[in-house]
Structure formats: structure tokens, C-alpha cells
Amino acid sequence: MAEVKKEWLRAVKFTLISISAGIIQIGLFTLLYELLSLNYWVSYLISLLASVLWNFTINRKYTFRSANNIKLAMLLVLIFYAVFTPISTILGALAEKSGINGFIVEAVTMIANFVLEFLYTRFVVYRGSCDSAVKASAADQRTDIIDDSIAQNASNK
């Protein structure tokens, strides 16, 4: 039961952090698409990249608390976006050209990204390494206590 509660909490954290990433994405998209009048796909790609960088960095530390190889984790996220980005960019541009409002397209894309990214990140990127940073930190603290104790005993002699 504790494991189920931990996974629900992880999903809530991911949701809240993803909302902050979504605010970054939609804010930047609005700036580029509406104020600078860049076309949909350029606005989308730039805002998506900013959102992904934020989401990866914060979720790695606070949601998944993983100590696994950061380069490998980034490579796996890059693989996800190497598939998701072209598909969502092409479909989004086609939808926008067919008359669907760019903000509606952006919202649908962001929801799809949210669901797929959580599943991929949890079960592929951080499979087997969730909470490993917490475990490593606790082990480091125990080692520090032992080291301090040894140093104190040596200085007392």
C-alpha cells in the first residue's frame, strides 16, 4: 500500500511540475506566435524545447529523485522527443493550417505530451532508479557520520 501511495504522490508532483512547464511553454508560445508573429511550428518548437528542459531538470530532482546517469537519462528523453516532436509538429501545423486555432492545437499537444512523457519517463528513463538519489544521500550521510567519528577518535588519541 505504501508503494501505491508513493506512486500517486509521484504522479501529483509530476503533474504540478508539468503545469509549471506548461506555463513556460504557453507563455513563450504566446510571445512568439502572437506578439512576434512567428509561424506555428517555429513557435511550438522553441516553446517545447524550453518546457522540456525545465520539466526534465525539475522532475529528475524532485519527482523521480534519480541518481542514475544523467547523460543516459537525457539521451532517453531525447529519443522520446525525436519521435514525439516531428509527429506533433507536423500534425499540429496541419491542424492549424486547416483552421483550428493554434492555441487549441497547442493545448491538445500539451495534454498528449504530458500523459506520454509521464509514462515514458517513469517506466523507461527512470525504471529501477526512482528515489535512488535519496538512498544515495542517506548512505552519504551515514558515511559522513562514520568519517566524523573516526576523525574525532583519531584526534582524541
Protein backbone atom coordinates (compact mmCIF):
# COMPACT_ATOMS: atom_id res chain seq x y z
CA MET A 1 0.00 0.00 0.00
CA ALA A 2 2.88 2.38 0.77
CA GLU A 3 4.24 1.84 -2.73
CA VAL A 4 0.89 2.77 -4.31
CA LYS A 5 0.75 5.94 -2.20
CA LYS A 6 4.32 6.80 -3.24
CA GLU A 7 3.43 6.40 -6.94
CA TRP A 8 0.32 8.58 -6.57
CA LEU A 9 2.44 11.25 -4.88
CA ARG A 10 4.96 10.94 -7.72
CA ALA A 11 2.13 11.44 -10.26
CA VAL A 12 0.87 14.51 -8.37
CA LYS A 13 4.40 16.01 -8.26
CA PHE A 14 4.86 15.32 -11.97
CA THR A 15 1.51 16.98 -12.68
CA LEU A 16 2.34 20.12 -10.68
CA ILE A 17 5.81 20.43 -12.22
CA SER A 18 4.33 19.79 -15.66
CA ILE A 19 1.83 22.58 -15.06
CA SER A 20 4.75 24.93 -14.39
CA ALA A 21 6.42 23.69 -17.57
CA GLY A 22 3.13 24.21 -19.39
CA ILE A 23 3.00 27.80 -18.18
CA ILE A 24 6.51 28.31 -19.55
CA GLN A 25 5.54 26.66 -22.84
CA ILE A 26 2.29 28.52 -23.37
CA GLY A 27 3.81 31.84 -22.27
CA LEU A 28 6.71 31.51 -24.67
CA PHE A 29 4.41 30.19 -27.42
CA THR A 30 2.15 33.23 -26.94
CA LEU A 31 5.09 35.61 -27.10
CA LEU A 32 6.46 34.03 -30.27
CA TYR A 33 3.16 33.24 -32.06
CA GLU A 34 1.06 36.27 -31.16
CA LEU A 35 3.45 39.08 -30.36
CA LEU A 36 6.30 38.26 -32.74
CA SER A 37 4.02 36.65 -35.37
CA LEU A 38 6.30 33.66 -35.92
CA ASN A 39 4.63 30.74 -37.64
CA TYR A 40 3.12 27.91 -35.62
CA TRP A 41 5.86 25.31 -35.92
CA VAL A 42 8.72 27.69 -35.02
CA SER A 43 6.78 28.99 -32.00
CA TYR A 44 5.88 25.44 -30.98
CA LEU A 45 9.41 24.04 -31.28
CA ILE A 46 11.06 26.83 -29.30
CA SER A 47 8.43 26.76 -26.55
CA LEU A 48 8.54 22.95 -26.41
CA LEU A 49 12.33 22.93 -26.01
CA ALA A 50 12.19 25.40 -23.11
CA SER A 51 9.43 23.38 -21.46
CA VAL A 52 11.27 20.07 -21.87
CA LEU A 53 14.47 21.43 -20.34
CA TRP A 54 12.59 22.79 -17.33
CA ASN A 55 10.48 19.65 -16.89
CA PHE A 56 13.44 17.25 -17.16
CA THR A 57 15.59 19.17 -14.71
CA ILE A 58 12.96 19.68 -12.02
CA ASN A 59 11.28 16.28 -12.31
CA ARG A 60 14.59 14.42 -12.18
CA LYS A 61 15.42 16.07 -8.88
CA TYR A 62 12.05 16.30 -7.12
CA THR A 63 9.67 13.75 -8.66
CA PHE A 64 11.81 10.78 -9.62
CA ARG A 65 14.76 11.66 -7.34
CA SER A 66 17.07 9.65 -9.52
CA ALA A 67 20.82 9.33 -9.17
CA ASN A 68 21.20 7.39 -12.41
CA ASN A 69 23.49 8.54 -15.20
CA ILE A 70 22.24 11.98 -16.25
CA LYS A 71 23.68 11.62 -19.76
CA LEU A 72 21.79 8.36 -20.26
CA ALA A 73 18.58 9.89 -18.87
CA MET A 74 18.96 12.88 -21.22
CA LEU A 75 19.62 10.56 -24.17
CA LEU A 76 16.46 8.57 -23.40
CA VAL A 77 14.43 11.79 -23.17
CA LEU A 78 15.99 12.92 -26.46
CA ILE A 79 14.86 9.65 -28.07
CA PHE A 80 11.30 10.26 -26.83
CA TYR A 81 11.29 13.76 -28.29
CA ALA A 82 12.96 12.60 -31.51
CA VAL A 83 9.72 10.67 -32.10
CA PHE A 84 7.16 12.92 -30.41
CA THR A 85 8.36 16.28 -31.75
CA PRO A 86 8.20 15.63 -35.52
CA ILE A 87 4.84 13.90 -35.21
CA SER A 88 3.33 16.62 -33.02
CA THR A 89 4.88 19.42 -35.09
CA ILE A 90 3.59 18.07 -38.42
CA LEU A 91 0.13 17.19 -37.09
CA GLY A 92 -0.08 20.50 -35.23
CA ALA A 93 0.90 22.52 -38.30
CA LEU A 94 -1.63 20.62 -40.43
CA ALA A 95 -4.37 21.20 -37.85
CA GLU A 96 -3.55 24.89 -37.59
CA LYS A 97 -3.48 25.29 -41.39
CA SER A 98 -6.89 23.58 -41.61
CA GLY A 99 -8.35 26.35 -39.48
CA ILE A 100 -8.06 25.02 -35.93
CA ASN A 101 -6.89 27.75 -33.58
CA GLY A 102 -3.17 27.42 -32.77
CA PHE A 103 -3.88 27.61 -29.03
CA ILE A 104 -6.30 24.68 -29.22
CA VAL A 105 -3.72 22.69 -31.16
CA GLU A 106 -1.11 23.64 -28.58
CA ALA A 107 -3.37 22.57 -25.69
CA VAL A 108 -4.16 19.16 -27.22
CA THR A 109 -0.48 18.60 -27.97
CA MET A 110 0.49 19.55 -24.42
CA ILE A 111 -2.01 17.10 -22.92
CA ALA A 112 -0.75 14.28 -25.15
CA ASN A 113 2.83 15.19 -24.25
CA PHE A 114 2.00 15.21 -20.51
CA VAL A 115 0.50 11.72 -20.49
CA LEU A 116 3.04 10.10 -22.80
CA GLU A 117 6.02 11.78 -21.14
CA PHE A 118 4.99 10.67 -17.65
CA LEU A 119 4.61 7.05 -18.73
CA TYR A 120 7.85 7.05 -20.72
CA THR A 121 9.85 8.87 -18.04
CA ARG A 122 8.58 6.72 -15.18
CA PHE A 123 8.83 3.32 -16.88
CA VAL A 124 11.73 3.81 -19.32
CA VAL A 125 14.01 6.69 -18.31
CA TYR A 126 13.92 6.14 -14.53
CA ARG A 127 12.95 2.46 -14.45
CA GLY A 128 14.60 0.95 -11.40
CA SER A 129 16.24 4.22 -10.31
CA CYS A 130 13.38 6.19 -8.74
CA ASP A 131 14.37 7.52 -5.33
CA SER A 132 17.98 6.38 -5.83
CA ALA A 133 19.25 9.92 -5.10
CA VAL A 134 17.52 9.77 -1.71
CA LYS A 135 19.08 6.38 -0.96
CA ALA A 136 22.50 7.64 -2.10
CA SER A 137 22.12 10.76 0.04
CA ALA A 138 21.22 8.69 3.11
CA ALA A 139 24.24 6.45 2.50
CA ASP A 140 26.46 9.53 2.14
CA GLN A 141 25.15 10.88 5.45
CA ARG A 142 25.92 7.58 7.20
CA THR A 143 29.42 7.62 5.71
CA ASP A 144 29.91 11.23 6.87
CA ILE A 145 28.90 10.27 10.41
CA ILE A 146 31.34 7.36 10.41
CA ASP A 147 34.11 9.54 8.96
CA ASP A 148 33.47 12.22 11.61
CA SER A 149 33.55 9.60 14.33
CA ILE A 150 36.85 8.17 13.07
CA ALA A 151 38.36 11.65 12.78
CA GLN A 152 37.22 12.55 16.30
CA ASN A 153 38.67 9.31 17.75
CA ALA A 154 41.96 9.93 15.96
CA SER A 155 42.21 13.47 17.32
CA ASN A 156 41.49 12.24 20.87
CA LYS A 157 44.49 9.91 20.80
